[in-house]
């Protein structure tokens, strides 16, 4: 829950391996999540938010879903498209929970209208 104020509380600091403290350029969502008073309510989007954008559709016309999830550059492009287009404070990285079973060696494919299907599903 964000507490809105007309005064900024300043930039949040984060610890990094190269520097003890680095000031963030846009820390609004972090400060709000910490329960600090913020100058406006932060706005963020889920990874699917850009799927209606022409530039999003262009990438999907050239690459399949899992290829995009596994390519950091493509994932970053899709994540930032709505952020670049609208005045947003944060975005959730484009990825999917299905990358975890794939990382464990499970074969998964997306079947239109059906959804994700595993070649050899786990059995309890």
C-alpha atoms as a PDB file:
ATOM      1  CA  UNK A   1       0.000   0.000   0.000  1.00  0.00           C
ATOM      2  CA  UNK A   2       1.560   3.277  -1.111  1.00  0.00           C
ATOM      3  CA  UNK A   3       1.259   6.379   1.004  1.00  0.00           C
ATOM      4  CA  UNK A   4       1.140   9.401  -1.312  1.00  0.00           C
ATOM      5  CA  UNK A   5       2.810  12.688  -0.432  1.00  0.00           C
ATOM      6  CA  UNK A   6       3.774  15.822  -2.349  1.00  0.00           C
ATOM      7  CA  UNK A   7       7.343  15.595  -1.070  1.00  0.00           C
ATOM      8  CA  UNK A   8       9.981  13.175  -2.292  1.00  0.00           C
ATOM      9  CA  UNK A   9      11.824  11.168   0.341  1.00  0.00           C
ATOM     10  CA  UNK A  10      14.951  10.901  -1.839  1.00  0.00           C
ATOM     11  CA  UNK A  11      16.551   8.036  -3.690  1.00  0.00           C
ATOM     12  CA  UNK A  12      16.803   4.576  -2.205  1.00  0.00           C
ATOM     13  CA  UNK A  13      20.217   3.016  -1.851  1.00  0.00           C
ATOM     14  CA  UNK A  14      21.137  -0.510  -2.878  1.00  0.00           C
ATOM     15  CA  UNK A  15      24.194  -2.572  -2.120  1.00  0.00           C
ATOM     16  CA  UNK A  16      26.311  -3.770  -5.060  1.00  0.00           C
ATOM     17  CA  UNK A  17      29.517  -5.775  -5.257  1.00  0.00           C
ATOM     18  CA  UNK A  18      31.365  -2.921  -7.027  1.00  0.00           C
ATOM     19  CA  UNK A  19      30.169  -0.072  -4.818  1.00  0.00           C
ATOM     20  CA  UNK A  20      28.846   0.050  -1.255  1.00  0.00           C
ATOM     21  CA  UNK A  21      25.832   2.231  -2.200  1.00  0.00           C
ATOM     22  CA  UNK A  22      24.351   3.212  -5.543  1.00  0.00           C
ATOM     23  CA  UNK A  23      21.448   5.657  -5.818  1.00  0.00           C
ATOM     24  CA  UNK A  24      18.648   4.403  -8.060  1.00  0.00           C
ATOM     25  CA  UNK A  25      17.225   6.724 -10.727  1.00  0.00           C
ATOM     26  CA  UNK A  26      13.643   5.484 -10.309  1.00  0.00           C
ATOM     27  CA  UNK A  27      13.070   3.994  -6.890  1.00  0.00           C
ATOM     28  CA  UNK A  28       9.413   4.958  -6.462  1.00  0.00           C
ATOM     29  CA  UNK A  29       8.077   1.395  -6.441  1.00  0.00           C
ATOM     30  CA  UNK A  30      10.805   0.240  -4.051  1.00  0.00           C
ATOM     31  CA  UNK A  31      10.074   3.031  -1.597  1.00  0.00           C
ATOM     32  CA  UNK A  32       6.324   2.347  -1.811  1.00  0.00           C
ATOM     33  CA  UNK A  33       6.925  -1.380  -1.238  1.00  0.00           C
ATOM     34  CA  UNK A  34       8.916  -0.501   1.875  1.00  0.00           C
ATOM     35  CA  UNK A  35       5.900   1.449   3.133  1.00  0.00           C
ATOM     36  CA  UNK A  36       7.633   4.801   2.780  1.00  0.00           C
ATOM     37  CA  UNK A  37       5.764   7.979   1.901  1.00  0.00           C
ATOM     38  CA  UNK A  38       5.963   8.537  -1.864  1.00  0.00           C
ATOM     39  CA  UNK A  39       5.053  11.473  -4.071  1.00  0.00           C
ATOM     40  CA  UNK A  40       2.655   9.431  -6.234  1.00  0.00           C
ATOM     41  CA  UNK A  41       1.260   5.918  -6.416  1.00  0.00           C
ATOM     42  CA  UNK A  42       3.653   3.823  -8.538  1.00  0.00           C
ATOM     43  CA  UNK A  43       2.375   2.144 -11.688  1.00  0.00           C
ATOM     44  CA  UNK A  44       3.782  -1.118 -13.003  1.00  0.00           C
ATOM     45  CA  UNK A  45       2.781  -3.775 -15.490  1.00  0.00           C
ATOM     46  CA  UNK A  46       2.895  -7.515 -15.888  1.00  0.00           C
ATOM     47  CA  UNK A  47       4.959  -9.070 -18.649  1.00  0.00           C
ATOM     48  CA  UNK A  48       1.873  -9.677 -20.807  1.00  0.00           C
ATOM     49  CA  UNK A  49       0.891  -6.001 -20.858  1.00  0.00           C
ATOM     50  CA  UNK A  50       2.522  -5.246 -24.192  1.00  0.00           C
ATOM     51  CA  UNK A  51       1.087  -8.095 -26.210  1.00  0.00           C
ATOM     52  CA  UNK A  52      -1.313  -5.794 -28.059  1.00  0.00           C
ATOM     53  CA  UNK A  53       1.540  -3.480 -29.201  1.00  0.00           C
ATOM     54  CA  UNK A  54       2.643  -3.740 -32.854  1.00  0.00           C
ATOM     55  CA  UNK A  55       6.328  -3.996 -31.879  1.00  0.00           C
ATOM     56  CA  UNK A  56       5.489  -6.894 -29.531  1.00  0.00           C
ATOM     57  CA  UNK A  57       3.585  -8.712 -32.286  1.00  0.00           C
ATOM     58  CA  UNK A  58       6.499  -8.141 -34.661  1.00  0.00           C
ATOM     59  CA  UNK A  59       8.896  -9.991 -32.334  1.00  0.00           C
ATOM     60  CA  UNK A  60       6.398 -12.838 -31.831  1.00  0.00           C
ATOM     61  CA  UNK A  61       6.018 -13.170 -35.605  1.00  0.00           C
ATOM     62  CA  UNK A  62       9.749 -13.968 -35.833  1.00  0.00           C
ATOM     63  CA  UNK A  63      10.334 -15.983 -32.648  1.00  0.00           C
ATOM     64  CA  UNK A  64       8.455 -18.636 -30.679  1.00  0.00           C
ATOM     65  CA  UNK A  65       7.485 -18.070 -27.058  1.00  0.00           C
ATOM     66  CA  UNK A  66      10.173 -20.235 -25.446  1.00  0.00           C
ATOM     67  CA  UNK A  67      12.929 -18.778 -27.649  1.00  0.00           C
ATOM     68  CA  UNK A  68      11.947 -15.330 -26.440  1.00  0.00           C
ATOM     69  CA  UNK A  69      11.929 -16.450 -22.788  1.00  0.00           C
ATOM     70  CA  UNK A  70      15.415 -17.928 -23.196  1.00  0.00           C
ATOM     71  CA  UNK A  71      16.906 -14.908 -24.983  1.00  0.00           C
ATOM     72  CA  UNK A  72      17.795 -12.144 -22.488  1.00  0.00           C
ATOM     73  CA  UNK A  73      17.886  -9.458 -25.180  1.00  0.00           C
ATOM     74  CA  UNK A  74      14.447 -10.334 -26.592  1.00  0.00           C
ATOM     75  CA  UNK A  75      12.979 -10.663 -23.082  1.00  0.00           C
ATOM     76  CA  UNK A  76      14.382  -7.256 -22.202  1.00  0.00           C
ATOM     77  CA  UNK A  77      12.936  -5.696 -25.371  1.00  0.00           C
ATOM     78  CA  UNK A  78       9.472  -7.072 -24.630  1.00  0.00           C
ATOM     79  CA  UNK A  79       9.678  -6.019 -20.988  1.00  0.00           C
ATOM     80  CA  UNK A  80      10.616  -2.445 -21.856  1.00  0.00           C
ATOM     81  CA  UNK A  81       8.237  -1.841 -24.781  1.00  0.00           C
ATOM     82  CA  UNK A  82       5.271  -0.741 -22.629  1.00  0.00           C
ATOM     83  CA  UNK A  83       7.609   1.084 -20.224  1.00  0.00           C
ATOM     84  CA  UNK A  84       9.026   3.096 -23.124  1.00  0.00           C
ATOM     85  CA  UNK A  85       5.554   3.840 -24.498  1.00  0.00           C
ATOM     86  CA  UNK A  86       3.787   4.799 -21.253  1.00  0.00           C
ATOM     87  CA  UNK A  87       4.796   6.578 -18.052  1.00  0.00           C
ATOM     88  CA  UNK A  88       5.406   3.523 -15.863  1.00  0.00           C
ATOM     89  CA  UNK A  89       7.537   3.075 -12.778  1.00  0.00           C
ATOM     90  CA  UNK A  90       8.364  -0.617 -13.164  1.00  0.00           C
ATOM     91  CA  UNK A  91       7.756  -3.733 -15.225  1.00  0.00           C
ATOM     92  CA  UNK A  92       7.862  -7.449 -14.533  1.00  0.00           C
ATOM     93  CA  UNK A  93      10.524  -9.195 -16.619  1.00  0.00           C
ATOM     94  CA  UNK A  94       9.211 -11.129 -19.597  1.00  0.00           C
ATOM     95  CA  UNK A  95       9.606 -14.805 -18.767  1.00  0.00           C
ATOM     96  CA  UNK A  96       7.412 -17.733 -17.795  1.00  0.00           C
ATOM     97  CA  UNK A  97       7.201 -20.326 -15.054  1.00  0.00           C
ATOM     98  CA  UNK A  98       7.609 -23.012 -17.718  1.00  0.00           C
ATOM     99  CA  UNK A  99      11.309 -22.151 -18.085  1.00  0.00           C
ATOM    100  CA  UNK A 100      11.892 -23.975 -14.771  1.00  0.00           C
ATOM    101  CA  UNK A 101      10.808 -27.454 -15.943  1.00  0.00           C
ATOM    102  CA  UNK A 102      12.674 -26.824 -19.197  1.00  0.00           C
ATOM    103  CA  UNK A 103      15.826 -26.001 -17.220  1.00  0.00           C
ATOM    104  CA  UNK A 104      15.330 -29.366 -15.485  1.00  0.00           C
ATOM    105  CA  UNK A 105      15.303 -31.103 -18.877  1.00  0.00           C
ATOM    106  CA  UNK A 106      11.543 -31.551 -19.326  1.00  0.00           C
ATOM    107  CA  UNK A 107      10.285 -31.120 -22.895  1.00  0.00           C
ATOM    108  CA  UNK A 108       7.346 -28.717 -23.127  1.00  0.00           C
ATOM    109  CA  UNK A 109       5.474 -27.321 -26.092  1.00  0.00           C
ATOM    110  CA  UNK A 110       2.691 -24.779 -26.382  1.00  0.00           C
ATOM    111  CA  UNK A 111      -0.302 -26.180 -28.245  1.00  0.00           C
ATOM    112  CA  UNK A 112      -2.677 -23.509 -29.636  1.00  0.00           C
ATOM    113  CA  UNK A 113      -5.990 -23.352 -27.710  1.00  0.00           C
ATOM    114  CA  UNK A 114      -4.787 -26.187 -25.393  1.00  0.00           C
ATOM    115  CA  UNK A 115      -1.798 -24.534 -23.684  1.00  0.00           C
ATOM    116  CA  UNK A 116       1.438 -26.064 -22.379  1.00  0.00           C
ATOM    117  CA  UNK A 117       1.919 -29.810 -22.825  1.00  0.00           C
ATOM    118  CA  UNK A 118       4.765 -31.922 -21.468  1.00  0.00           C
ATOM    119  CA  UNK A 119       6.208 -34.764 -23.499  1.00  0.00           C
ATOM    120  CA  UNK A 120       6.739 -36.759 -20.289  1.00  0.00           C
ATOM    121  CA  UNK A 121       4.737 -35.190 -17.457  1.00  0.00           C
ATOM    122  CA  UNK A 122       5.698 -35.728 -13.830  1.00  0.00           C
ATOM    123  CA  UNK A 123       3.600 -38.341 -12.075  1.00  0.00           C
ATOM    124  CA  UNK A 124       2.985 -38.496  -8.355  1.00  0.00           C
END
